[in-house]
């Protein structure tokens, strides 16, 4: 399989594994439009530029903090989200350039 966008098969497998979990896939959907999906939570920082606080992701998902942290680490390793520390809180936002690169790769080679 040729990786025209610079992605090797192992990278694609990591992405598919990360998105193969329904909760992680849902988190990615929420992070696509954080203003709409996290409006009920008072932002600690700008959601568009910094991302959504992990505590808000946890509250919306209804999952344990350790589970959400593990899920976010998986998404980060797959290159789908980027973390930013604001004080003692970690915020996550989608890496839209990476998501677009993956979409092109899938459309071309999968």
PDB file of N, CA and C in Angstrom:
ATOM      1  N   UNK A   1       0.845  -1.181   0.000  1.00  0.00           N
ATOM      2  CA  UNK A   1       0.000   0.000   0.000  1.00  0.00           C
ATOM      3  C   UNK A   1       0.880   1.231   0.000  1.00  0.00           C
ATOM      4  N   UNK A   2       0.748   2.099  -0.966  1.00  0.00           N
ATOM      5  CA  UNK A   2       1.528   3.329  -1.035  1.00  0.00           C
ATOM      6  C   UNK A   2       0.878   4.389  -0.173  1.00  0.00           C
ATOM      7  N   UNK A   3       1.683   5.099   0.559  1.00  0.00           N
ATOM      8  CA  UNK A   3       1.184   6.153   1.434  1.00  0.00           C
ATOM      9  C   UNK A   3       1.548   7.499   0.824  1.00  0.00           C
ATOM     10  N   UNK A   4       0.728   7.985  -0.082  1.00  0.00           N
ATOM     11  CA  UNK A   4       1.039   9.198  -0.813  1.00  0.00           C
ATOM     12  C   UNK A   4       1.047  10.428   0.083  1.00  0.00           C
ATOM     13  N   UNK A   5       0.308  10.443   1.143  1.00  0.00           N
ATOM     14  CA  UNK A   5       0.260  11.599   2.036  1.00  0.00           C
ATOM     15  C   UNK A   5       1.274  11.471   3.158  1.00  0.00           C
ATOM     16  N   UNK A   6       2.194  10.531   3.054  1.00  0.00           N
ATOM     17  CA  UNK A   6       3.227  10.381   4.064  1.00  0.00           C
ATOM     18  C   UNK A   6       2.832   9.520   5.243  1.00  0.00           C
ATOM     19  N   UNK A   7       1.734   8.817   5.158  1.00  0.00           N
ATOM     20  CA  UNK A   7       1.296   7.961   6.250  1.00  0.00           C
ATOM     21  C   UNK A   7       1.583   6.509   5.916  1.00  0.00           C
ATOM     22  N   UNK A   8       2.171   5.823   6.869  1.00  0.00           N
ATOM     23  CA  UNK A   8       2.410   4.403   6.637  1.00  0.00           C
ATOM     24  C   UNK A   8       1.245   3.590   7.202  1.00  0.00           C
ATOM     25  N   UNK A   9       1.152   2.324   6.850  1.00  0.00           N
ATOM     26  CA  UNK A   9       0.037   1.497   7.319  1.00  0.00           C
ATOM     27  C   UNK A   9      -0.092   1.459   8.835  1.00  0.00           C
ATOM     28  N   UNK A  10       1.017   1.478   9.558  1.00  0.00           N
ATOM     29  CA  UNK A  10       0.945   1.437  11.027  1.00  0.00           C
ATOM     30  C   UNK A  10       0.244   2.678  11.584  1.00  0.00           C
ATOM     31  N   UNK A  11       0.489   3.829  10.953  1.00  0.00           N
ATOM     32  CA  UNK A  11      -0.181   5.054  11.396  1.00  0.00           C
ATOM     33  C   UNK A  11      -1.690   4.966  11.172  1.00  0.00           C
ATOM     34  N   UNK A  12      -2.082   4.455  10.023  1.00  0.00           N
ATOM     35  CA  UNK A  12      -3.508   4.307   9.738  1.00  0.00           C
ATOM     36  C   UNK A  12      -4.163   3.318  10.699  1.00  0.00           C
ATOM     37  N   UNK A  13      -3.486   2.244  10.998  1.00  0.00           N
ATOM     38  CA  UNK A  13      -4.025   1.256  11.937  1.00  0.00           C
ATOM     39  C   UNK A  13      -4.233   1.893  13.303  1.00  0.00           C
ATOM     40  N   UNK A  14      -3.279   2.711  13.744  1.00  0.00           N
ATOM     41  CA  UNK A  14      -3.404   3.413  15.035  1.00  0.00           C
ATOM     42  C   UNK A  14      -4.644   4.307  15.051  1.00  0.00           C
ATOM     43  N   UNK A  15      -4.885   5.008  13.955  1.00  0.00           N
ATOM     44  CA  UNK A  15      -6.056   5.880  13.837  1.00  0.00           C
ATOM     45  C   UNK A  15      -7.336   5.054  13.876  1.00  0.00           C
ATOM     46  N   UNK A  16      -7.377   3.981  13.090  1.00  0.00           N
ATOM     47  CA  UNK A  16      -8.581   3.148  13.057  1.00  0.00           C
ATOM     48  C   UNK A  16      -8.865   2.538  14.431  1.00  0.00           C
ATOM     49  N   UNK A  17      -7.824   2.120  15.139  1.00  0.00           N
ATOM     50  CA  UNK A  17      -8.012   1.588  16.494  1.00  0.00           C
ATOM     51  C   UNK A  17      -8.575   2.663  17.418  1.00  0.00           C
ATOM     52  N   UNK A  18      -8.027   3.866  17.319  1.00  0.00           N
ATOM     53  CA  UNK A  18      -8.484   4.960  18.187  1.00  0.00           C
ATOM     54  C   UNK A  18      -9.949   5.283  17.925  1.00  0.00           C
ATOM     55  N   UNK A  19     -10.337   5.311  16.662  1.00  0.00           N
ATOM     56  CA  UNK A  19     -11.718   5.663  16.310  1.00  0.00           C
ATOM     57  C   UNK A  19     -12.662   4.473  16.365  1.00  0.00           C
ATOM     58  N   UNK A  20     -12.122   3.279  16.585  1.00  0.00           N
ATOM     59  CA  UNK A  20     -12.946   2.072  16.676  1.00  0.00           C
ATOM     60  C   UNK A  20     -13.717   1.964  17.975  1.00  0.00           C
ATOM     61  N   UNK A  21     -13.395   2.809  18.931  1.00  0.00           N
ATOM     62  CA  UNK A  21     -14.101   2.827  20.210  1.00  0.00           C
ATOM     63  C   UNK A  21     -15.221   3.866  20.116  1.00  0.00           C
ATOM     64  N   UNK A  22     -16.471   3.484  20.387  1.00  0.00           N
ATOM     65  CA  UNK A  22     -17.589   4.422  20.231  1.00  0.00           C
ATOM     66  C   UNK A  22     -17.443   5.707  21.049  1.00  0.00           C
ATOM     67  N   UNK A  23     -16.921   5.616  22.256  1.00  0.00           N
ATOM     68  CA  UNK A  23     -16.776   6.816  23.092  1.00  0.00           C
ATOM     69  C   UNK A  23     -15.726   7.762  22.511  1.00  0.00           C
ATOM     70  N   UNK A  24     -14.613   7.212  22.046  1.00  0.00           N
ATOM     71  CA  UNK A  24     -13.577   8.070  21.448  1.00  0.00           C
ATOM     72  C   UNK A  24     -14.086   8.711  20.160  1.00  0.00           C
ATOM     73  N   UNK A  25     -14.824   7.958  19.366  1.00  0.00           N
ATOM     74  CA  UNK A  25     -15.403   8.522  18.148  1.00  0.00           C
ATOM     75  C   UNK A  25     -16.366   9.650  18.492  1.00  0.00           C
ATOM     76  N   UNK A  26     -17.174   9.464  19.521  1.00  0.00           N
ATOM     77  CA  UNK A  26     -18.111  10.508  19.950  1.00  0.00           C
ATOM     78  C   UNK A  26     -17.367  11.751  20.425  1.00  0.00           C
ATOM     79  N   UNK A  27     -16.288  11.564  21.172  1.00  0.00           N
ATOM     80  CA  UNK A  27     -15.494  12.705  21.639  1.00  0.00           C
ATOM     81  C   UNK A  27     -14.956  13.485  20.446  1.00  0.00           C
ATOM     82  N   UNK A  28     -14.478  12.794  19.432  1.00  0.00           N
ATOM     83  CA  UNK A  28     -13.990  13.475  18.232  1.00  0.00           C
ATOM     84  C   UNK A  28     -15.108  14.278  17.566  1.00  0.00           C
ATOM     85  N   UNK A  29     -16.296  13.725  17.543  1.00  0.00           N
ATOM     86  CA  UNK A  29     -17.446  14.457  16.968  1.00  0.00           C
ATOM     87  C   UNK A  29     -17.748  15.704  17.788  1.00  0.00           C
ATOM     88  N   UNK A  30     -17.726  15.569  19.113  1.00  0.00           N
ATOM     89  CA  UNK A  30     -17.972  16.734  19.970  1.00  0.00           C
ATOM     90  C   UNK A  30     -16.919  17.812  19.752  1.00  0.00           C
ATOM     91  N   UNK A  31     -15.670  17.394  19.639  1.00  0.00           N
ATOM     92  CA  UNK A  31     -14.579  18.362  19.504  1.00  0.00           C
ATOM     93  C   UNK A  31     -14.581  19.060  18.146  1.00  0.00           C
ATOM     94  N   UNK A  32     -15.312  18.520  17.187  1.00  0.00           N
ATOM     95  CA  UNK A  32     -15.413  19.182  15.885  1.00  0.00           C
ATOM     96  C   UNK A  32     -16.121  20.523  16.017  1.00  0.00           C
ATOM     97  N   UNK A  33     -17.100  20.611  16.908  1.00  0.00           N
ATOM     98  CA  UNK A  33     -17.823  21.863  17.157  1.00  0.00           C
ATOM     99  C   UNK A  33     -17.951  22.051  18.668  1.00  0.00           C
ATOM    100  N   UNK A  34     -16.869  22.447  19.317  1.00  0.00           N
ATOM    101  CA  UNK A  34     -16.879  22.512  20.775  1.00  0.00           C
ATOM    102  C   UNK A  34     -17.849  23.535  21.349  1.00  0.00           C
ATOM    103  N   UNK A  35     -18.084  24.628  20.632  1.00  0.00           N
ATOM    104  CA  UNK A  35     -19.014  25.645  21.142  1.00  0.00           C
ATOM    105  C   UNK A  35     -20.430  25.073  21.253  1.00  0.00           C
ATOM    106  N   UNK A  36     -20.838  24.286  20.293  1.00  0.00           N
ATOM    107  CA  UNK A  36     -22.179  23.702  20.308  1.00  0.00           C
ATOM    108  C   UNK A  36     -22.294  22.578  21.328  1.00  0.00           C
ATOM    109  N   UNK A  37     -21.277  21.721  21.407  1.00  0.00           N
ATOM    110  CA  UNK A  37     -21.390  20.523  22.224  1.00  0.00           C
ATOM    111  C   UNK A  37     -21.015  20.714  23.691  1.00  0.00           C
ATOM    112  N   UNK A  38     -20.315  21.800  24.000  1.00  0.00           N
ATOM    113  CA  UNK A  38     -19.919  22.035  25.389  1.00  0.00           C
ATOM    114  C   UNK A  38     -20.441  23.367  25.909  1.00  0.00           C
ATOM    115  N   UNK A  39     -21.518  23.865  25.307  1.00  0.00           N
ATOM    116  CA  UNK A  39     -22.079  25.171  25.681  1.00  0.00           C
ATOM    117  C   UNK A  39     -22.536  25.216  27.136  1.00  0.00           C
ATOM    118  N   UNK A  40     -22.918  24.064  27.690  1.00  0.00           N
ATOM    119  CA  UNK A  40     -23.428  24.050  29.069  1.00  0.00           C
ATOM    120  C   UNK A  40     -22.314  24.180  30.110  1.00  0.00           C
ATOM    121  N   UNK A  41     -21.064  24.130  29.675  1.00  0.00           N
ATOM    122  CA  UNK A  41     -19.928  24.224  30.592  1.00  0.00           C
ATOM    123  C   UNK A  41     -19.227  25.562  30.418  1.00  0.00           C
ATOM    124  N   UNK A  42     -18.937  26.222  31.507  1.00  0.00           N
ATOM    125  CA  UNK A  42     -18.222  27.498  31.476  1.00  0.00           C
ATOM    126  C   UNK A  42     -16.792  27.249  30.995  1.00  0.00           C
ATOM    127  N   UNK A  43     -16.396  27.868  29.892  1.00  0.00           N
ATOM    128  CA  UNK A  43     -15.042  27.606  29.391  1.00  0.00           C
ATOM    129  C   UNK A  43     -13.971  28.200  30.311  1.00  0.00           C
ATOM    130  N   UNK A  44     -12.884  27.477  30.441  1.00  0.00           N
ATOM    131  CA  UNK A  44     -11.733  27.948  31.208  1.00  0.00           C
ATOM    132  C   UNK A  44     -10.830  28.771  30.286  1.00  0.00           C
ATOM    133  N   UNK A  45     -10.819  28.420  29.007  1.00  0.00           N
ATOM    134  CA  UNK A  45     -10.044  29.122  27.981  1.00  0.00           C
ATOM    135  C   UNK A  45     -10.845  29.053  26.683  1.00  0.00           C
ATOM    136  N   UNK A  46     -10.378  29.756  25.666  1.00  0.00           N
ATOM    137  CA  UNK A  46     -11.066  29.763  24.382  1.00  0.00           C
ATOM    138  C   UNK A  46     -11.092  28.359  23.781  1.00  0.00           C
ATOM    139  N   UNK A  47     -12.285  27.853  23.564  1.00  0.00           N
ATOM    140  CA  UNK A  47     -12.425  26.475  23.075  1.00  0.00           C
ATOM    141  C   UNK A  47     -11.895  26.295  21.659  1.00  0.00           C
ATOM    142  N   UNK A  48     -12.047  27.286  20.825  1.00  0.00           N
ATOM    143  CA  UNK A  48     -11.612  27.162  19.424  1.00  0.00           C
ATOM    144  C   UNK A  48     -10.087  27.101  19.323  1.00  0.00           C
ATOM    145  N   UNK A  49      -9.388  27.922  20.081  1.00  0.00           N
ATOM    146  CA  UNK A  49      -7.929  27.959  19.940  1.00  0.00           C
ATOM    147  C   UNK A  49      -7.211  27.026  20.906  1.00  0.00           C
ATOM    148  N   UNK A  50      -7.764  26.818  22.105  1.00  0.00           N
ATOM    149  CA  UNK A  50      -7.092  26.013  23.130  1.00  0.00           C
ATOM    150  C   UNK A  50      -7.705  24.626  23.241  1.00  0.00           C
ATOM    151  N   UNK A  51      -9.007  24.541  23.086  1.00  0.00           N
ATOM    152  CA  UNK A  51      -9.685  23.257  23.185  1.00  0.00           C
ATOM    153  C   UNK A  51     -10.627  23.196  24.368  1.00  0.00           C
ATOM    154  N   UNK A  52     -11.085  22.005  24.635  1.00  0.00           N
ATOM    155  CA  UNK A  52     -12.066  21.745  25.689  1.00  0.00           C
ATOM    156  C   UNK A  52     -11.346  21.123  26.880  1.00  0.00           C
ATOM    157  N   UNK A  53     -11.660  21.611  28.056  1.00  0.00           N
ATOM    158  CA  UNK A  53     -11.062  21.079  29.277  1.00  0.00           C
ATOM    159  C   UNK A  53     -11.448  19.605  29.433  1.00  0.00           C
ATOM    160  N   UNK A  54     -10.472  18.810  29.814  1.00  0.00           N
ATOM    161  CA  UNK A  54     -10.716  17.373  29.967  1.00  0.00           C
ATOM    162  C   UNK A  54     -11.814  17.106  31.002  1.00  0.00           C
ATOM    163  N   UNK A  55     -11.963  17.967  31.994  1.00  0.00           N
ATOM    164  CA  UNK A  55     -13.031  17.757  32.982  1.00  0.00           C
ATOM    165  C   UNK A  55     -14.405  17.927  32.341  1.00  0.00           C
ATOM    166  N   UNK A  56     -14.506  18.788  31.334  1.00  0.00           N
ATOM    167  CA  UNK A  56     -15.781  18.959  30.640  1.00  0.00           C
ATOM    168  C   UNK A  56     -16.067  17.765  29.737  1.00  0.00           C
ATOM    169  N   UNK A  57     -15.025  17.240  29.108  1.00  0.00           N
ATOM    170  CA  UNK A  57     -15.188  16.026  28.296  1.00  0.00           C
ATOM    171  C   UNK A  57     -15.647  14.884  29.192  1.00  0.00           C
ATOM    172  N   UNK A  58     -15.021  14.769  30.345  1.00  0.00           N
ATOM    173  CA  UNK A  58     -15.395  13.713  31.302  1.00  0.00           C
ATOM    174  C   UNK A  58     -16.847  13.863  31.735  1.00  0.00           C
ATOM    175  N   UNK A  59     -17.250  15.077  32.097  1.00  0.00           N
ATOM    176  CA  UNK A  59     -18.623  15.296  32.553  1.00  0.00           C
ATOM    177  C   UNK A  59     -19.630  14.962  31.454  1.00  0.00           C
ATOM    178  N   UNK A  60     -19.361  15.389  30.239  1.00  0.00           N
ATOM    179  CA  UNK A  60     -20.295  15.137  29.137  1.00  0.00           C
ATOM    180  C   UNK A  60     -20.354  13.647  28.798  1.00  0.00           C
ATOM    181  N   UNK A  61     -19.213  12.974  28.841  1.00  0.00           N
ATOM    182  CA  UNK A  61     -19.165  11.554  28.515  1.00  0.00           C
ATOM    183  C   UNK A  61     -19.734  10.680  29.623  1.00  0.00           C
ATOM    184  N   UNK A  62     -19.719  11.195  30.853  1.00  0.00           N
ATOM    185  CA  UNK A  62     -20.216  10.405  31.981  1.00  0.00           C
ATOM    186  C   UNK A  62     -19.309   9.240  32.321  1.00  0.00           C
ATOM    187  N   UNK A  63     -18.028   9.401  32.054  1.00  0.00           N
ATOM    188  CA  UNK A  63     -17.054   8.339  32.306  1.00  0.00           C
ATOM    189  C   UNK A  63     -16.095   8.758  33.410  1.00  0.00           C
ATOM    190  N   UNK A  64     -15.399   7.785  33.969  1.00  0.00           N
ATOM    191  CA  UNK A  64     -14.412   8.066  35.004  1.00  0.00           C
ATOM    192  C   UNK A  64     -13.273   8.903  34.436  1.00  0.00           C
ATOM    193  N   UNK A  65     -12.668   9.714  35.286  1.00  0.00           N
ATOM    194  CA  UNK A  65     -11.560  10.568  34.876  1.00  0.00           C
ATOM    195  C   UNK A  65     -10.435   9.746  34.260  1.00  0.00           C
ATOM    196  N   UNK A  66     -10.122   8.612  34.873  1.00  0.00           N
ATOM    197  CA  UNK A  66      -9.027   7.774  34.361  1.00  0.00           C
ATOM    198  C   UNK A  66      -9.348   7.228  32.972  1.00  0.00           C
ATOM    199  N   UNK A  67     -10.601   6.893  32.731  1.00  0.00           N
ATOM    200  CA  UNK A  67     -11.013   6.386  31.423  1.00  0.00           C
ATOM    201  C   UNK A  67     -10.879   7.471  30.369  1.00  0.00           C
ATOM    202  N   UNK A  68     -11.365   8.671  30.680  1.00  0.00           N
ATOM    203  CA  UNK A  68     -11.283   9.775  29.726  1.00  0.00           C
ATOM    204  C   UNK A  68      -9.825  10.134  29.459  1.00  0.00           C
ATOM    205  N   UNK A  69      -8.997  10.140  30.493  1.00  0.00           N
ATOM    206  CA  UNK A  69      -7.571  10.430  30.296  1.00  0.00           C
ATOM    207  C   UNK A  69      -6.936   9.401  29.375  1.00  0.00           C
ATOM    208  N   UNK A  70      -7.276   8.148  29.570  1.00  0.00           N
ATOM    209  CA  UNK A  70      -6.759   7.083  28.706  1.00  0.00           C
ATOM    210  C   UNK A  70      -7.247   7.260  27.272  1.00  0.00           C
ATOM    211  N   UNK A  71      -8.518   7.579  27.103  1.00  0.00           N
ATOM    212  CA  UNK A  71      -9.082   7.792  25.772  1.00  0.00           C
ATOM    213  C   UNK A  71      -8.397   8.966  25.076  1.00  0.00           C
ATOM    214  N   UNK A  72      -8.176  10.054  25.805  1.00  0.00           N
ATOM    215  CA  UNK A  72      -7.554  11.222  25.200  1.00  0.00           C
ATOM    216  C   UNK A  72      -6.099  10.933  24.829  1.00  0.00           C
ATOM    217  N   UNK A  73      -5.419  10.151  25.638  1.00  0.00           N
ATOM    218  CA  UNK A  73      -4.043   9.756  25.317  1.00  0.00           C
ATOM    219  C   UNK A  73      -4.007   8.923  24.038  1.00  0.00           C
ATOM    220  N   UNK A  74      -4.976   8.039  23.884  1.00  0.00           N
ATOM    221  CA  UNK A  74      -5.062   7.219  22.673  1.00  0.00           C
ATOM    222  C   UNK A  74      -5.290   8.101  21.447  1.00  0.00           C
ATOM    223  N   UNK A  75      -6.201   9.052  21.557  1.00  0.00           N
ATOM    224  CA  UNK A  75      -6.467   9.965  20.448  1.00  0.00           C
ATOM    225  C   UNK A  75      -5.248  10.834  20.138  1.00  0.00           C
ATOM    226  N   UNK A  76      -4.529  11.226  21.186  1.00  0.00           N
ATOM    227  CA  UNK A  76      -3.312  12.023  20.989  1.00  0.00           C
ATOM    228  C   UNK A  76      -2.227  11.207  20.285  1.00  0.00           C
ATOM    229  N   UNK A  77      -2.010   9.974  20.728  1.00  0.00           N
ATOM    230  CA  UNK A  77      -1.004   9.110  20.085  1.00  0.00           C
ATOM    231  C   UNK A  77      -1.321   8.886  18.610  1.00  0.00           C
ATOM    232  N   UNK A  78      -2.600   8.826  18.283  1.00  0.00           N
ATOM    233  CA  UNK A  78      -3.018   8.647  16.886  1.00  0.00           C
ATOM    234  C   UNK A  78      -2.911   9.946  16.089  1.00  0.00           C
ATOM    235  N   UNK A  79      -2.578  11.040  16.771  1.00  0.00           N
ATOM    236  CA  UNK A  79      -2.416  12.321  16.095  1.00  0.00           C
ATOM    237  C   UNK A  79      -3.711  13.035  15.799  1.00  0.00           C
ATOM    238  N   UNK A  80      -4.785  12.647  16.465  1.00  0.00           N
ATOM    239  CA  UNK A  80      -6.099  13.217  16.187  1.00  0.00           C
ATOM    240  C   UNK A  80      -6.426  14.438  17.025  1.00  0.00           C
ATOM    241  N   UNK A  81      -5.823  14.554  18.197  1.00  0.00           N
ATOM    242  CA  UNK A  81      -6.042  15.704  19.075  1.00  0.00           C
ATOM    243  C   UNK A  81      -4.703  16.241  19.552  1.00  0.00           C
ATOM    244  N   UNK A  82      -4.736  17.494  19.990  1.00  0.00           N
ATOM    245  CA  UNK A  82      -3.556  18.156  20.550  1.00  0.00           C
ATOM    246  C   UNK A  82      -3.906  18.693  21.935  1.00  0.00           C
ATOM    247  N   UNK A  83      -3.058  18.405  22.915  1.00  0.00           N
ATOM    248  CA  UNK A  83      -3.302  18.916  24.265  1.00  0.00           C
ATOM    249  C   UNK A  83      -2.661  20.288  24.477  1.00  0.00           C
ATOM    250  N   UNK A  84      -3.269  21.075  25.345  1.00  0.00           N
ATOM    251  CA  UNK A  84      -2.714  22.345  25.788  1.00  0.00           C
ATOM    252  C   UNK A  84      -2.995  22.467  27.272  1.00  0.00           C
ATOM    253  N   UNK A  85      -1.963  22.795  28.036  1.00  0.00           N
ATOM    254  CA  UNK A  85      -2.145  23.001  29.475  1.00  0.00           C
ATOM    255  C   UNK A  85      -2.536  24.456  29.717  1.00  0.00           C
ATOM    256  N   UNK A  86      -3.570  24.644  30.526  1.00  0.00           N
ATOM    257  CA  UNK A  86      -3.983  25.964  30.985  1.00  0.00           C
ATOM    258  C   UNK A  86      -4.080  25.850  32.494  1.00  0.00           C
ATOM    259  N   UNK A  87      -3.100  26.386  33.188  1.00  0.00           N
ATOM    260  CA  UNK A  87      -3.048  26.205  34.632  1.00  0.00           C
ATOM    261  C   UNK A  87      -2.882  24.732  34.947  1.00  0.00           C
ATOM    262  N   UNK A  88      -3.766  24.228  35.781  1.00  0.00           N
ATOM    263  CA  UNK A  88      -3.682  22.809  36.144  1.00  0.00           C
ATOM    264  C   UNK A  88      -4.532  21.912  35.251  1.00  0.00           C
ATOM    265  N   UNK A  89      -5.198  22.494  34.273  1.00  0.00           N
ATOM    266  CA  UNK A  89      -6.101  21.736  33.412  1.00  0.00           C
ATOM    267  C   UNK A  89      -5.506  21.482  32.035  1.00  0.00           C
ATOM    268  N   UNK A  90      -5.801  20.310  31.502  1.00  0.00           N
ATOM    269  CA  UNK A  90      -5.423  19.989  30.130  1.00  0.00           C
ATOM    270  C   UNK A  90      -6.649  20.155  29.250  1.00  0.00           C
ATOM    271  N   UNK A  91      -6.457  20.852  28.152  1.00  0.00           N
ATOM    272  CA  UNK A  91      -7.502  21.062  27.158  1.00  0.00           C
ATOM    273  C   UNK A  91      -7.124  20.304  25.900  1.00  0.00           C
ATOM    274  N   UNK A  92      -8.130  19.829  25.176  1.00  0.00           N
ATOM    275  CA  UNK A  92      -7.888  19.100  23.939  1.00  0.00           C
ATOM    276  C   UNK A  92      -8.684  19.729  22.809  1.00  0.00           C
ATOM    277  N   UNK A  93      -8.027  19.781  21.654  1.00  0.00           N
ATOM    278  CA  UNK A  93      -8.708  20.205  20.429  1.00  0.00           C
ATOM    279  C   UNK A  93      -8.285  19.265  19.314  1.00  0.00           C
ATOM    280  N   UNK A  94      -9.160  19.137  18.336  1.00  0.00           N
ATOM    281  CA  UNK A  94      -8.853  18.287  17.186  1.00  0.00           C
ATOM    282  C   UNK A  94      -7.696  18.888  16.412  1.00  0.00           C
ATOM    283  N   UNK A  95      -6.869  18.039  15.832  1.00  0.00           N
ATOM    284  CA  UNK A  95      -5.830  18.474  14.914  1.00  0.00           C
ATOM    285  C   UNK A  95      -6.450  18.382  13.528  1.00  0.00           C
ATOM    286  N   UNK A  96      -7.071  19.475  13.099  1.00  0.00           N
ATOM    287  CA  UNK A  96      -7.834  19.465  11.849  1.00  0.00           C
ATOM    288  C   UNK A  96      -6.943  19.204  10.630  1.00  0.00           C
ATOM    289  N   UNK A  97      -5.696  19.656  10.671  1.00  0.00           N
ATOM    290  CA  UNK A  97      -4.786  19.375   9.552  1.00  0.00           C
ATOM    291  C   UNK A  97      -4.543  17.873   9.444  1.00  0.00           C
ATOM    292  N   UNK A  98      -4.332  17.235  10.581  1.00  0.00           N
ATOM    293  CA  UNK A  98      -4.095  15.788  10.604  1.00  0.00           C
ATOM    294  C   UNK A  98      -5.350  15.027  10.171  1.00  0.00           C
ATOM    295  N   UNK A  99      -6.516  15.451  10.636  1.00  0.00           N
ATOM    296  CA  UNK A  99      -7.766  14.799  10.253  1.00  0.00           C
ATOM    297  C   UNK A  99      -7.967  14.912   8.739  1.00  0.00           C
ATOM    298  N   UNK A 100      -7.680  16.082   8.181  1.00  0.00           N
ATOM    299  CA  UNK A 100      -7.813  16.268   6.731  1.00  0.00           C
ATOM    300  C   UNK A 100      -6.808  15.386   5.981  1.00  0.00           C
ATOM    301  N   UNK A 101      -5.585  15.296   6.494  1.00  0.00           N
ATOM    302  CA  UNK A 101      -4.569  14.436   5.878  1.00  0.00           C
ATOM    303  C   UNK A 101      -5.036  12.984   5.883  1.00  0.00           C
ATOM    304  N   UNK A 102      -5.596  12.548   6.997  1.00  0.00           N
ATOM    305  CA  UNK A 102      -6.092  11.173   7.102  1.00  0.00           C
ATOM    306  C   UNK A 102      -7.240  10.927   6.126  1.00  0.00           C
ATOM    307  N   UNK A 103      -8.134  11.902   6.013  1.00  0.00           N
ATOM    308  CA  UNK A 103      -9.256  11.756   5.081  1.00  0.00           C
ATOM    309  C   UNK A 103      -8.762  11.613   3.648  1.00  0.00           C
ATOM    310  N   UNK A 104      -7.747  12.412   3.285  1.00  0.00           N
ATOM    311  CA  UNK A 104      -7.176  12.276   1.934  1.00  0.00           C
ATOM    312  C   UNK A 104      -6.531  10.913   1.741  1.00  0.00           C
ATOM    313  N   UNK A 105      -5.799  10.476   2.758  1.00  0.00           N
ATOM    314  CA  UNK A 105      -5.117   9.185   2.678  1.00  0.00           C
ATOM    315  C   UNK A 105      -6.128   8.052   2.516  1.00  0.00           C
ATOM    316  N   UNK A 106      -7.187   8.101   3.297  1.00  0.00           N
ATOM    317  CA  UNK A 106      -8.212   7.059   3.199  1.00  0.00           C
ATOM    318  C   UNK A 106      -8.881   7.092   1.841  1.00  0.00           C
ATOM    319  N   UNK A 107      -9.187   8.299   1.367  1.00  0.00           N
ATOM    320  CA  UNK A 107      -9.830   8.432   0.054  1.00  0.00           C
ATOM    321  C   UNK A 107      -8.959   7.975  -1.089  1.00  0.00           C
ATOM    322  N   UNK A 108      -7.656   8.070  -0.922  1.00  0.00           N
ATOM    323  CA  UNK A 108      -6.718   7.725  -1.980  1.00  0.00           C
ATOM    324  C   UNK A 108      -6.282   6.266  -1.932  1.00  0.00           C
ATOM    325  N   UNK A 109      -6.035   5.751  -0.726  1.00  0.00           N
ATOM    326  CA  UNK A 109      -5.357   4.460  -0.609  1.00  0.00           C
ATOM    327  C   UNK A 109      -6.112   3.367   0.136  1.00  0.00           C
ATOM    328  N   UNK A 110      -7.267   3.654   0.639  1.00  0.00           N
ATOM    329  CA  UNK A 110      -7.976   2.620   1.409  1.00  0.00           C
ATOM    330  C   UNK A 110      -9.220   2.212   0.638  1.00  0.00           C
TER     331      UNK A 110
END
